[in-house]
Amino acid sequence: MKDNLKKTVGTSLIILGVIVLCYLLVIFFDTVLNGFLLDWLDRRFVTYLVDSDGFSKTMIRWDRVKKYLFRGFLIVVVLCALICRAVMLLYAARQEKKAIHEAGKMIGDYMRHDREAAEVFPEKYAEISAQVTEIKSNMQRSEQALKQEASRKNDLITYLAHDLKTPLTSVIGYLSLLEEAPDMPEEQKAKYVHITLDKALRLEKLINEFFEITRYNLQQIVLEKEDIDLSFMLMQMADEFYPILKERGNTIKLETKNNLTVYGDSEKLARVFNNILKNAIAYSDAGTEIRIWTGQNDNYVTICFQDQGKTIPRQRLETIFEKFFRLDEARATNTGGAGLGLAIAKEIVTLHQGTITAASENKVTTFTVCLPL
């Protein structure tokens, strides 16, 4: 209200000033030019008539007066409008600059300090306050997520480094025994060699996990798409996992239609299914069946992996696809990996414009991958 009143008063003063200026200019020019303006007005608007008696008679030509007054009025109105417009634009620009400066100071103050938005932003900045609050909240969530991820990664590296010591010590110990006793019985020697090989393979697995962490941080996944025979890929994968399944007494039941195809990167999708299947084998109960089946509609194909084991709590299902997340808190190193398999799987599926989800109840866990045909 006060701002509108100030604008009205300012505009009125400007118009009055223009009128006074015009009047002063008229007086100035008429004085300097020795009555030039009055002579011009006399020639334009006054007519002298002489009657039959020889007397002169003065007659004002009101038609011309009206015409010039109207023109002058229009010119004054246009000039006043232009001046008012210019002043208003300058005033608006100044106010906008002032508002931007104030908003910038308030935003900087709010972002740098731990203060409530209501304490920093006046009521007229409510919209800016809401947007900045949302931005700050998103930044804080992202920062917290990065810190948690870095913490999980650092913990995992610490755990892996610690776990390297045990198999390495065993390898050195058994190799030392073999070197110190060359005449050791063949049966005992074979036993030590087998244990050493087992520990060496464990070392290789741990080292590969270190490389997996590094590769995930450095590589950018690029898809090379082609038509993929999905049925053949799943059958081939089931055959490849047969030795591991046999050790645990697990079996795979594959239910899929023949010649089911999708358009995608065969190598990357094979990695997705490989990671999910390894996860299913690692956490399923020994001697149970792992089901793999596919479904299809007009636009999408679904691939489901189902295993029987410990039920995953609902709160853990929400974080199971995060980087460096391991389901086993006790770090069961015989089954637990670097915590990247499912995170990589999700990233690859997302790049294919698909989705991956997990559900777990009554000791049955199902991973579902949905891909566009």
Protein backbone atom coordinates (compact mmCIF):
# COMPACT_ATOMS: atom_id res chain seq x y z
CA MET A 1 0.00 0.00 0.00
CA LYS A 2 2.77 2.46 0.93
CA ASP A 3 4.71 1.58 -2.22
CA ASN A 4 1.67 2.32 -4.44
CA LEU A 5 1.12 5.67 -2.68
CA LYS A 6 4.76 6.61 -3.21
CA LYS A 7 4.49 5.74 -6.92
CA THR A 8 1.32 7.88 -7.34
CA VAL A 9 2.82 10.91 -5.57
CA GLY A 10 6.04 10.59 -7.55
CA THR A 11 4.17 10.43 -10.87
CA SER A 12 2.03 13.49 -9.99
CA LEU A 13 5.12 15.51 -9.08
CA ILE A 14 6.77 14.59 -12.37
CA ILE A 15 3.73 15.72 -14.40
CA LEU A 16 3.56 19.00 -12.47
CA GLY A 17 7.24 19.54 -13.01
CA VAL A 18 6.87 19.02 -16.78
CA ILE A 19 4.02 21.59 -16.95
CA VAL A 20 6.01 24.19 -14.97
CA LEU A 21 9.04 23.56 -17.17
CA CYS A 22 6.99 24.14 -20.33
CA TYR A 23 5.64 27.42 -18.90
CA LEU A 24 9.10 28.65 -18.01
CA LEU A 25 10.37 27.76 -21.48
CA VAL A 26 7.56 29.80 -23.05
CA ILE A 27 8.46 32.87 -20.95
CA PHE A 28 12.19 32.39 -21.59
CA PHE A 29 11.90 32.14 -25.38
CA ASP A 30 9.46 35.04 -25.60
CA THR A 31 11.79 37.29 -23.55
CA VAL A 32 15.02 36.34 -25.33
CA LEU A 33 13.56 36.52 -28.82
CA ASN A 34 11.86 39.91 -28.25
CA GLY A 35 8.28 38.79 -28.41
CA PHE A 36 8.80 36.26 -31.19
CA LEU A 37 6.37 33.82 -29.60
CA LEU A 38 3.66 36.44 -29.16
CA ASP A 39 4.15 37.63 -32.75
CA TRP A 40 3.83 34.03 -33.95
CA LEU A 41 0.66 33.56 -31.91
CA ASP A 42 -0.70 36.84 -33.27
CA ARG A 43 -0.10 35.76 -36.87
CA ARG A 44 -1.57 32.32 -36.34
CA PHE A 45 -4.62 32.93 -34.23
CA VAL A 46 -5.62 36.61 -34.62
CA THR A 47 -7.30 38.22 -37.67
CA TYR A 48 -7.74 41.98 -38.08
CA LEU A 49 -10.81 43.16 -40.01
CA VAL A 50 -11.58 46.74 -41.18
CA ASP A 51 -15.26 47.72 -41.32
CA SER A 52 -16.93 50.18 -43.66
CA ASP A 53 -16.26 53.06 -41.30
CA GLY A 54 -12.55 52.45 -41.37
CA PHE A 55 -12.29 50.97 -37.87
CA SER A 56 -10.15 47.85 -37.34
CA LYS A 57 -11.65 44.90 -35.58
CA THR A 58 -9.74 42.05 -33.90
CA MET A 59 -11.02 38.49 -34.25
CA ILE A 60 -9.53 35.41 -32.61
CA ARG A 61 -9.56 32.30 -34.79
CA TRP A 62 -10.79 29.79 -32.27
CA ASP A 63 -10.77 26.96 -34.76
CA ARG A 64 -6.97 27.21 -35.02
CA VAL A 65 -6.60 27.72 -31.27
CA LYS A 66 -8.52 24.54 -30.58
CA LYS A 67 -6.53 22.61 -33.17
CA TYR A 68 -3.14 23.65 -31.78
CA LEU A 69 -4.25 23.24 -28.17
CA PHE A 70 -5.38 19.71 -28.92
CA ARG A 71 -2.09 18.91 -30.64
CA GLY A 72 -0.13 20.42 -27.79
CA PHE A 73 -2.19 18.52 -25.27
CA LEU A 74 -1.51 15.24 -27.07
CA ILE A 75 2.22 15.97 -27.21
CA VAL A 76 2.31 16.82 -23.49
CA VAL A 77 0.37 13.66 -22.62
CA VAL A 78 2.69 11.48 -24.72
CA LEU A 79 5.79 13.10 -23.23
CA CYS A 80 4.44 12.70 -19.70
CA ALA A 81 3.56 9.07 -20.39
CA LEU A 82 7.04 8.37 -21.78
CA ILE A 83 8.71 10.09 -18.86
CA CYS A 84 6.51 8.26 -16.34
CA ARG A 85 7.23 4.96 -18.07
CA ALA A 86 10.97 5.59 -18.02
CA VAL A 87 10.89 6.59 -14.36
CA MET A 88 8.80 3.55 -13.44
CA LEU A 89 11.17 1.23 -15.32
CA LEU A 90 14.17 2.75 -13.58
CA TYR A 91 12.42 2.50 -10.23
CA ALA A 92 11.37 -1.12 -10.89
CA ALA A 93 14.92 -2.03 -11.98
CA ARG A 94 16.32 -0.44 -8.85
CA GLN A 95 13.81 -2.24 -6.64
CA GLU A 96 14.47 -5.55 -8.43
CA LYS A 97 18.22 -5.14 -7.99
CA LYS A 98 17.68 -4.32 -4.34
CA ALA A 99 15.37 -7.35 -3.88
CA ILE A 100 17.86 -9.67 -5.61
CA HIS A 101 20.66 -8.35 -3.43
CA GLU A 102 18.61 -8.86 -0.27
CA ALA A 103 17.50 -12.33 -1.39
CA GLY A 104 21.09 -13.28 -2.19
CA LYS A 105 22.25 -12.19 1.26
CA MET A 106 19.42 -14.09 2.95
CA ILE A 107 20.04 -17.24 0.88
CA GLY A 108 23.76 -17.11 1.66
CA ASP A 109 23.04 -16.61 5.35
CA TYR A 110 20.53 -19.49 5.38
CA MET A 111 22.81 -21.89 3.48
CA ARG A 112 25.89 -21.12 5.59
CA HIS A 113 24.27 -21.29 9.01
CA ASP A 114 22.03 -23.77 10.77
CA ARG A 115 18.99 -21.53 11.10
CA GLU A 116 15.29 -21.93 10.45
CA ALA A 117 13.98 -20.44 7.19
CA ALA A 118 11.37 -18.38 9.07
CA GLU A 119 14.17 -16.66 11.00
CA VAL A 120 15.98 -15.61 7.82
CA PHE A 121 13.29 -14.90 5.20
CA PRO A 122 10.49 -12.30 5.71
CA GLU A 123 6.94 -13.25 4.78
CA LYS A 124 7.17 -11.62 1.33
CA TYR A 125 9.98 -14.06 0.46
CA ALA A 126 7.86 -17.11 1.33
CA GLU A 127 8.15 -18.68 -2.14
CA ILE A 128 11.93 -18.26 -2.25
CA SER A 129 12.11 -19.58 1.30
CA ALA A 130 10.25 -22.76 0.35
CA GLN A 131 12.44 -23.40 -2.71
CA VAL A 132 15.71 -22.73 -0.89
CA THR A 133 14.61 -24.93 2.01
CA GLU A 134 13.94 -27.79 -0.41
CA ILE A 135 17.29 -27.29 -2.14
CA LYS A 136 19.14 -27.25 1.18
CA SER A 137 17.31 -30.40 2.33
CA ASN A 138 18.22 -32.19 -0.91
CA MET A 139 21.84 -31.12 -0.57
CA GLN A 140 21.98 -32.31 3.02
CA ARG A 141 20.44 -35.66 2.06
CA SER A 142 22.91 -36.07 -0.80
CA GLU A 143 25.82 -35.11 1.43
CA GLN A 144 24.67 -37.55 4.11
CA ALA A 145 24.27 -40.32 1.51
CA LEU A 146 27.79 -39.67 0.19
CA LYS A 147 29.19 -39.75 3.72
CA GLN A 148 27.41 -43.03 4.45
CA GLU A 149 28.61 -44.50 1.19
CA ALA A 150 32.18 -43.40 1.85
CA SER A 151 31.95 -44.80 5.39
CA ARG A 152 30.63 -48.15 4.14
CA LYS A 153 33.33 -48.27 1.49
CA ASN A 154 36.10 -47.46 3.97
CA ASP A 155 34.76 -50.04 6.43
CA LEU A 156 34.59 -52.63 3.68
CA ILE A 157 38.15 -51.95 2.56
CA THR A 158 39.30 -52.22 6.18
CA TYR A 159 37.47 -55.51 6.58
CA LEU A 160 38.87 -56.89 3.31
CA ALA A 161 42.39 -55.82 4.23
CA HIS A 162 42.00 -57.55 7.59
CA ASP A 163 40.56 -60.66 5.93
CA LEU A 164 43.57 -60.85 3.60
CA LYS A 165 45.84 -61.59 6.54
CA THR A 166 44.24 -64.92 7.54
CA PRO A 167 44.50 -66.79 4.19
CA LEU A 168 47.87 -65.19 3.47
CA THR A 169 49.23 -66.38 6.82
CA SER A 170 47.90 -69.87 6.09
CA VAL A 171 49.45 -69.94 2.62
CA ILE A 172 52.85 -68.88 3.98
CA GLY A 173 52.59 -71.35 6.85
CA TYR A 174 51.76 -74.41 4.75
CA LEU A 175 54.31 -73.51 2.05
CA SER A 176 56.93 -73.18 4.78
CA LEU A 177 56.03 -76.65 6.09
CA LEU A 178 56.31 -78.10 2.59
CA GLU A 179 59.71 -76.47 2.11
CA GLU A 180 61.05 -77.55 5.52
CA ALA A 181 59.94 -81.17 5.13
CA PRO A 182 60.69 -82.33 1.58
CA ASP A 183 60.34 -85.97 2.65
CA MET A 184 56.80 -85.44 3.95
CA PRO A 185 54.41 -88.28 3.21
CA GLU A 186 52.56 -87.85 -0.08
CA GLU A 187 49.16 -88.02 1.58
CA GLN A 188 50.03 -85.23 4.03
CA LYS A 189 51.72 -83.22 1.30
CA ALA A 190 48.63 -83.48 -0.89
CA LYS A 191 46.50 -82.32 2.04
CA TYR A 192 48.72 -79.27 2.62
CA VAL A 193 48.77 -78.43 -1.08
CA HIS A 194 44.98 -78.62 -1.20
CA ILE A 195 44.64 -76.31 1.82
CA THR A 196 47.20 -73.89 0.34
CA LEU A 197 45.35 -73.80 -2.97
CA ASP A 198 42.04 -73.20 -1.19
CA LYS A 199 43.54 -70.26 0.75
CA ALA A 200 45.17 -68.89 -2.40
CA LEU A 201 41.82 -68.96 -4.19
CA ARG A 202 40.32 -67.11 -1.23
CA LEU A 203 43.07 -64.51 -1.56
CA GLU A 204 42.30 -64.14 -5.25
CA LYS A 205 38.62 -63.57 -4.46
CA LEU A 206 39.43 -60.86 -1.91
CA ILE A 207 41.83 -59.13 -4.31
CA ASN A 208 39.18 -59.23 -7.04
CA GLU A 209 36.81 -57.50 -4.63
CA PHE A 210 39.33 -54.69 -4.23
CA PHE A 211 39.50 -54.34 -8.02
CA GLU A 212 35.70 -54.42 -8.19
CA ILE A 213 35.49 -51.42 -5.86
CA THR A 214 38.04 -49.50 -7.94
CA ARG A 215 36.42 -50.37 -11.27
CA TYR A 216 33.00 -49.30 -10.06
CA ASN A 217 34.32 -45.89 -9.06
CA LEU A 218 36.22 -45.31 -12.30
CA GLN A 219 34.21 -46.89 -15.08
CA GLN A 220 31.29 -45.37 -16.89
CA ILE A 221 28.94 -48.04 -18.19
CA VAL A 222 28.33 -47.75 -21.95
CA LEU A 223 25.76 -50.01 -23.60
CA GLU A 224 26.31 -51.80 -26.90
CA LYS A 225 22.84 -53.02 -27.79
CA GLU A 226 21.79 -55.91 -30.00
CA ASP A 227 19.03 -58.51 -30.20
CA ILE A 228 19.53 -61.06 -27.40
CA ASP A 229 18.13 -64.58 -27.15
CA LEU A 230 17.14 -64.31 -23.50
CA SER A 231 16.05 -67.94 -23.20
CA PHE A 232 19.43 -69.23 -24.40
CA MET A 233 21.31 -66.81 -22.10
CA LEU A 234 19.44 -68.03 -19.00
CA MET A 235 19.89 -71.70 -19.91
CA GLN A 236 23.60 -71.16 -20.50
CA MET A 237 23.94 -69.38 -17.16
CA ALA A 238 22.15 -72.19 -15.30
CA ASP A 239 24.64 -74.67 -16.78
CA GLU A 240 27.63 -72.50 -15.80
CA PHE A 241 26.52 -72.42 -12.15
CA TYR A 242 26.00 -76.18 -11.94
CA PRO A 243 29.33 -76.92 -10.11
CA ILE A 244 28.63 -74.29 -7.43
CA LEU A 245 25.04 -75.48 -7.03
CA LYS A 246 26.17 -79.09 -6.70
CA GLU A 247 28.52 -78.22 -3.82
CA ARG A 248 25.61 -76.79 -1.80
CA GLY A 249 23.04 -79.31 -2.95
CA ASN A 250 20.98 -76.61 -4.71
CA THR A 251 19.19 -76.96 -8.04
CA ILE A 252 17.86 -74.50 -10.61
CA LYS A 253 14.40 -74.78 -12.12
CA LEU A 254 14.21 -72.68 -15.29
CA GLU A 255 10.80 -71.84 -16.77
CA THR A 256 11.05 -69.76 -19.95
CA LYS A 257 9.63 -69.69 -23.45
CA ASN A 258 11.89 -70.49 -26.37
CA ASN A 259 13.13 -67.68 -28.62
CA LEU A 260 12.35 -64.96 -26.08
CA THR A 261 14.38 -61.94 -27.22
CA VAL A 262 15.14 -58.47 -25.90
CA TYR A 263 17.14 -55.56 -27.29
CA GLY A 264 20.07 -54.72 -25.04
CA ASP A 265 23.73 -55.20 -24.17
CA SER A 266 24.25 -58.96 -23.86
CA GLU A 267 27.45 -58.69 -21.80
CA LYS A 268 25.97 -56.19 -19.32
CA LEU A 269 22.66 -58.07 -18.92
CA ALA A 270 24.58 -61.31 -18.40
CA ARG A 271 26.38 -59.53 -15.57
CA VAL A 272 23.03 -58.49 -14.07
CA PHE A 273 21.67 -62.05 -14.07
CA ASN A 274 25.02 -63.41 -12.89
CA ASN A 275 25.08 -61.05 -9.91
CA ILE A 276 21.49 -61.84 -8.94
CA LEU A 277 22.04 -65.59 -9.28
CA LYS A 278 25.26 -65.47 -7.25
CA ASN A 279 23.40 -63.57 -4.57
CA ALA A 280 20.58 -66.15 -4.60
CA ILE A 281 23.02 -69.04 -4.27
CA ALA A 282 25.01 -67.32 -1.51
CA TYR A 283 21.99 -66.63 0.71
CA SER A 284 19.73 -69.57 -0.07
CA ASP A 285 19.48 -72.58 2.21
CA ALA A 286 21.50 -75.63 1.19
CA GLY A 287 19.55 -78.27 -0.69
CA THR A 288 16.82 -75.88 -1.85
CA GLU A 289 15.57 -75.07 -5.34
CA ILE A 290 16.25 -71.74 -7.08
CA ARG A 291 13.48 -70.84 -9.53
CA ILE A 292 14.01 -68.68 -12.62
CA TRP A 293 11.03 -67.83 -14.79
CA THR A 294 10.11 -65.25 -17.40
CA GLY A 295 6.94 -63.42 -18.38
CA GLN A 296 6.02 -61.14 -21.27
CA ASN A 297 3.45 -58.58 -22.31
CA ASP A 298 3.20 -56.20 -25.27
CA ASN A 299 6.03 -53.91 -24.15
CA TYR A 300 8.05 -55.61 -21.41
CA VAL A 301 9.60 -58.90 -20.43
CA THR A 302 10.11 -59.87 -16.78
CA ILE A 303 12.78 -62.19 -15.40
CA CYS A 304 12.30 -63.47 -11.85
CA PHE A 305 14.85 -65.18 -9.58
CA GLN A 306 13.46 -66.83 -6.45
CA ASP A 307 15.39 -68.54 -3.65
CA GLN A 308 14.52 -70.00 -0.26
CA GLY A 309 16.48 -68.75 2.73
CA LYS A 310 16.46 -66.20 5.47
CA THR A 311 13.79 -63.51 5.04
CA ILE A 312 15.26 -60.09 4.29
CA PRO A 313 13.76 -57.44 6.62
CA ARG A 314 11.68 -54.75 4.89
CA GLN A 315 14.02 -51.93 5.93
CA ARG A 316 16.97 -53.76 4.38
CA LEU A 317 15.12 -54.26 1.10
CA GLU A 318 15.12 -50.48 0.68
CA THR A 319 18.94 -50.34 0.80
CA ILE A 320 19.87 -53.65 -0.81
CA PHE A 321 20.64 -51.96 -4.16
CA GLU A 322 22.92 -49.32 -2.62
CA LYS A 323 26.65 -49.33 -3.28
CA PHE A 324 28.84 -51.18 -0.78
CA PHE A 325 25.80 -52.62 1.02
CA ARG A 326 26.32 -56.15 2.34
CA LEU A 327 23.41 -58.12 3.68
CA ASP A 328 25.51 -60.02 6.20
CA GLU A 329 26.50 -57.73 9.04
CA ALA A 330 28.79 -60.40 10.46
CA ARG A 331 30.82 -60.26 7.22
CA ALA A 332 30.45 -63.91 6.36
CA THR A 333 33.39 -63.75 3.99
CA ASN A 334 32.64 -67.10 2.44
CA THR A 335 29.44 -65.65 0.98
CA GLY A 336 29.61 -61.86 1.28
CA GLY A 337 31.13 -59.87 -1.56
CA ALA A 338 32.10 -56.24 -1.97
CA GLY A 339 28.47 -55.18 -1.83
CA LEU A 340 28.52 -53.96 -5.43
CA GLY A 341 26.78 -56.75 -7.33
CA LEU A 342 23.20 -55.57 -6.89
CA ALA A 343 24.16 -51.88 -7.18
CA ILE A 344 25.82 -52.56 -10.54
CA ALA A 345 22.85 -54.68 -11.60
CA LYS A 346 20.45 -51.84 -10.85
CA GLU A 347 22.56 -49.32 -12.76
CA ILE A 348 22.70 -51.56 -15.84
CA VAL A 349 18.96 -52.28 -15.76
CA THR A 350 18.20 -48.56 -15.35
CA LEU A 351 20.36 -47.77 -18.39
CA HIS A 352 18.19 -50.25 -20.32
CA GLN A 353 15.10 -48.20 -19.28
CA GLY A 354 14.03 -51.09 -17.03
CA THR A 355 13.49 -51.72 -13.33
CA ILE A 356 14.76 -54.16 -10.73
CA THR A 357 12.98 -54.88 -7.45
CA ALA A 358 13.22 -57.29 -4.54
CA ALA A 359 10.59 -58.84 -2.29
CA SER A 360 11.08 -61.17 0.67
CA GLU A 361 8.61 -62.90 2.97
CA ASN A 362 8.12 -66.31 4.58
CA LYS A 363 11.77 -67.24 3.84
CA VAL A 364 11.25 -66.72 0.10
CA THR A 365 13.13 -63.91 -1.68
CA THR A 366 12.32 -62.86 -5.25
CA PHE A 367 14.28 -60.50 -7.49
CA THR A 368 12.34 -59.21 -10.51
CA VAL A 369 13.97 -57.58 -13.53
CA CYS A 370 11.67 -55.78 -15.99
CA LEU A 371 13.11 -54.91 -19.42
CA PRO A 372 11.56 -53.31 -22.50
CA LEU A 373 11.32 -55.69 -25.44
